[in-house]
Amino acid sequence: MSLSHFDERRGAVPCKTPWGSWWQTVGEVFVHVQVPKGTRGKNVSVEIKPRHITCTVHGKTLFSGNLHRTVVADESTWTIEEQERILILLVKSEPAHSEKVWGSLLEGQYAPDPYVMHEMMKKLDLEKFQIENPGFDFSGAKLDKAYDKIPESVLENYKKRQQHEQVDVTPNKEWL
């Protein structure tokens, strides 16, 4: 079942990172990586394994580590868009009805701030409703679920992660 119409109308909830952003749907995780204009496929290496990912551009590793959850590596892929950004599609291994939300892209790295996490959770719940009720339009729906308070533990973990995510990925001249 295609949910592209739902996604277009509802919009993605991206988590910003030093190199781009990532967001998720119930079945997939998307990673956008900004690269220098003119970057070609031969300048990029993206290695996707069920629990690990590495993204290297012009010989410089932008990110590498264990994924927050398992993906189906054989169904995951990447492409370069307009020679200035990489789009990585990671297919989640958990079923779409799973309640498991990715709390970060990599274990302990690139976690959304509490507000973005809150919005991601709402978006995923609306997407699940759309899957369960395909004849209805939930793109403008508001949920009564108790999203009004972020648990204190989430806030504490966010502060700790922020201290560890000081990464410089400023493009340099040797990339070009």
Protein backbone atom coordinates (compact mmCIF):
# COMPACT_ATOMS: atom_id res chain seq x y z
CA MET A 1 0.00 0.00 0.00
CA SER A 2 1.38 3.39 -0.95
CA LEU A 3 1.26 6.11 1.65
CA SER A 4 2.97 8.74 -0.49
CA HIS A 5 -0.20 10.83 -0.67
CA PHE A 6 -0.44 10.74 3.13
CA ASP A 7 3.23 11.69 3.45
CA GLU A 8 2.87 14.57 0.98
CA ARG A 9 -0.12 16.00 2.81
CA ARG A 10 1.09 15.39 6.34
CA GLY A 11 4.79 16.12 5.81
CA ALA A 12 7.91 14.56 7.28
CA VAL A 13 9.27 15.37 10.73
CA PRO A 14 13.04 15.64 10.18
CA CYS A 15 15.74 15.43 12.83
CA LYS A 16 18.55 17.82 11.91
CA THR A 17 22.14 16.56 12.06
CA PRO A 18 25.52 18.20 11.35
CA TRP A 19 25.53 16.60 7.87
CA GLY A 20 21.82 16.80 6.96
CA SER A 21 18.75 15.18 8.52
CA TRP A 22 16.82 11.95 9.01
CA TRP A 23 13.15 11.06 9.52
CA GLN A 24 11.02 7.96 9.73
CA THR A 25 7.77 6.42 8.64
CA VAL A 26 6.24 3.26 10.08
CA GLY A 27 8.23 1.11 7.64
CA GLU A 28 11.28 3.14 6.65
CA VAL A 29 13.95 5.56 7.80
CA PHE A 30 15.14 8.25 5.38
CA VAL A 31 18.54 9.92 5.68
CA HIS A 32 19.37 13.12 3.77
CA VAL A 33 23.09 13.94 3.55
CA GLN A 34 24.18 17.32 2.15
CA VAL A 35 27.32 17.00 0.00
CA PRO A 36 29.33 19.48 -2.07
CA LYS A 37 27.68 20.43 -5.39
CA GLY A 38 28.97 18.21 -8.19
CA THR A 39 29.42 15.11 -6.02
CA ARG A 40 29.05 11.95 -8.11
CA GLY A 41 28.39 8.34 -7.22
CA LYS A 42 32.06 7.44 -7.57
CA ASN A 43 32.82 9.94 -4.75
CA VAL A 44 30.38 8.25 -2.35
CA SER A 45 30.40 5.00 -0.41
CA VAL A 46 27.35 3.99 1.63
CA GLU A 47 27.60 0.62 3.33
CA ILE A 48 24.35 -0.68 4.81
CA LYS A 49 24.26 -3.78 7.00
CA PRO A 50 21.37 -4.98 9.17
CA ARG A 51 22.76 -3.23 12.28
CA HIS A 52 25.41 -0.88 10.89
CA ILE A 53 25.80 1.98 8.41
CA THR A 54 28.76 3.96 7.10
CA CYS A 55 28.58 6.99 4.81
CA THR A 56 31.81 8.25 3.24
CA VAL A 57 32.08 11.17 0.81
CA HIS A 58 35.31 12.13 -0.97
CA GLY A 59 37.22 9.80 1.39
CA LYS A 60 35.85 11.44 4.56
CA THR A 61 33.52 9.39 6.78
CA LEU A 62 30.55 11.60 7.66
CA PHE A 63 28.93 9.06 9.97
CA SER A 64 29.40 5.43 10.91
CA GLY A 65 27.96 3.28 13.65
CA ASN A 66 25.38 0.83 14.84
CA LEU A 67 21.85 1.64 13.76
CA HIS A 68 19.25 2.27 16.46
CA ARG A 69 17.30 -0.78 15.25
CA THR A 70 17.72 -3.50 12.63
CA VAL A 71 17.05 -2.85 8.93
CA VAL A 72 16.58 -5.09 5.91
CA ALA A 73 19.91 -4.36 4.24
CA ASP A 74 19.04 -6.05 0.91
CA GLU A 75 15.99 -3.80 0.49
CA SER A 76 17.70 -0.60 1.66
CA THR A 77 19.34 1.67 -0.90
CA TRP A 78 20.81 5.10 -1.58
CA THR A 79 20.98 7.60 -4.42
CA ILE A 80 22.45 11.00 -5.21
CA GLU A 81 19.95 13.77 -5.95
CA GLU A 82 21.01 16.68 -8.17
CA GLN A 83 24.68 15.99 -7.33
CA GLU A 84 24.30 17.81 -3.99
CA ARG A 85 22.61 15.43 -1.57
CA ILE A 86 22.49 11.73 -0.82
CA LEU A 87 19.16 10.13 0.04
CA ILE A 88 19.48 6.86 1.96
CA LEU A 89 16.42 4.64 2.39
CA LEU A 90 16.59 2.15 5.25
CA VAL A 91 13.81 -0.45 5.39
CA LYS A 92 12.85 -1.21 9.00
CA SER A 93 12.85 -4.91 9.88
CA GLU A 94 10.01 -4.56 12.42
CA PRO A 95 6.48 -4.79 11.04
CA ALA A 96 4.65 -1.54 10.33
CA HIS A 97 2.22 -2.11 13.21
CA SER A 98 5.11 -2.23 15.69
CA GLU A 99 5.10 0.40 18.44
CA LYS A 100 8.87 0.76 18.17
CA VAL A 101 10.00 4.28 17.26
CA TRP A 102 13.62 4.97 16.40
CA GLY A 103 14.87 7.21 19.21
CA SER A 104 18.00 8.05 17.23
CA LEU A 105 19.56 7.18 13.89
CA LEU A 106 22.61 5.50 15.40
CA GLU A 107 22.96 4.08 18.89
CA GLY A 108 23.63 7.11 21.08
CA GLN A 109 23.97 9.51 18.13
CA TYR A 110 21.71 11.85 16.14
CA ALA A 111 18.74 11.72 18.49
CA PRO A 112 15.92 14.19 17.90
CA ASP A 113 15.35 16.88 20.47
CA PRO A 114 12.29 16.29 22.67
CA TYR A 115 9.97 18.44 20.55
CA VAL A 116 10.97 16.69 17.30
CA MET A 117 10.60 13.27 18.97
CA HIS A 118 7.13 14.30 20.15
CA GLU A 119 6.16 15.30 16.60
CA MET A 120 7.67 12.08 15.16
CA MET A 121 5.57 9.99 17.52
CA LYS A 122 2.39 11.84 16.51
CA LYS A 123 3.23 11.47 12.81
CA LEU A 124 3.81 7.73 13.17
CA ASP A 125 0.54 7.24 15.04
CA LEU A 126 -1.36 9.11 12.30
CA GLU A 127 0.36 7.00 9.66
CA LYS A 128 -0.66 3.81 11.52
CA PHE A 129 -4.28 5.04 11.60
CA GLN A 130 -4.06 5.63 7.84
CA ILE A 131 -2.83 2.07 7.27
CA GLU A 132 -5.62 0.64 9.44
CA ASN A 133 -8.29 2.86 7.83
CA PRO A 134 -7.28 3.44 4.20
CA GLY A 135 -10.60 5.04 3.22
CA PHE A 136 -10.14 7.98 5.60
CA ASP A 137 -7.89 11.03 5.37
CA PHE A 138 -5.89 11.55 8.57
CA SER A 139 -3.45 14.10 7.12
CA GLY A 140 -4.96 17.01 9.09
CA ALA A 141 -6.04 15.04 12.16
CA LYS A 142 -5.12 15.99 15.70
CA LEU A 143 -4.62 13.30 18.33
CA ASP A 144 -5.98 13.33 21.87
CA LYS A 145 -3.25 10.96 23.01
CA ALA A 146 -1.18 12.34 25.90
CA TYR A 147 1.64 13.91 23.90
CA ASP A 148 1.61 17.06 26.00
CA LYS A 149 4.45 16.04 28.32
CA ILE A 150 7.83 14.64 27.32
CA PRO A 151 9.09 12.21 29.99
CA GLU A 152 11.92 13.63 32.12
CA SER A 153 14.13 10.66 31.19
CA VAL A 154 13.88 11.63 27.49
CA LEU A 155 14.98 15.18 28.32
CA GLU A 156 17.93 13.94 30.39
CA ASN A 157 19.06 11.53 27.65
CA TYR A 158 18.78 14.32 25.09
CA LYS A 159 21.07 16.60 27.10
CA LYS A 160 23.65 13.82 27.49
CA ARG A 161 23.55 13.00 23.75
CA GLN A 162 23.97 16.64 22.78
CA GLN A 163 27.26 16.77 24.67
CA HIS A 164 28.59 13.78 22.70
CA GLU A 165 27.48 14.91 19.23
CA GLN A 166 29.98 17.69 18.65
CA VAL A 167 31.05 16.65 15.11
CA ASP A 168 32.56 18.94 12.45
CA VAL A 169 31.51 18.02 8.91
CA THR A 170 32.15 21.36 7.25
CA PRO A 171 32.92 20.71 3.56
CA ASN A 172 36.54 21.45 2.77
CA LYS A 173 38.27 22.40 -0.49
CA GLU A 174 39.77 18.95 -1.06
CA TRP A 175 36.22 17.53 -1.51
CA LEU A 176 35.71 19.56 -4.66
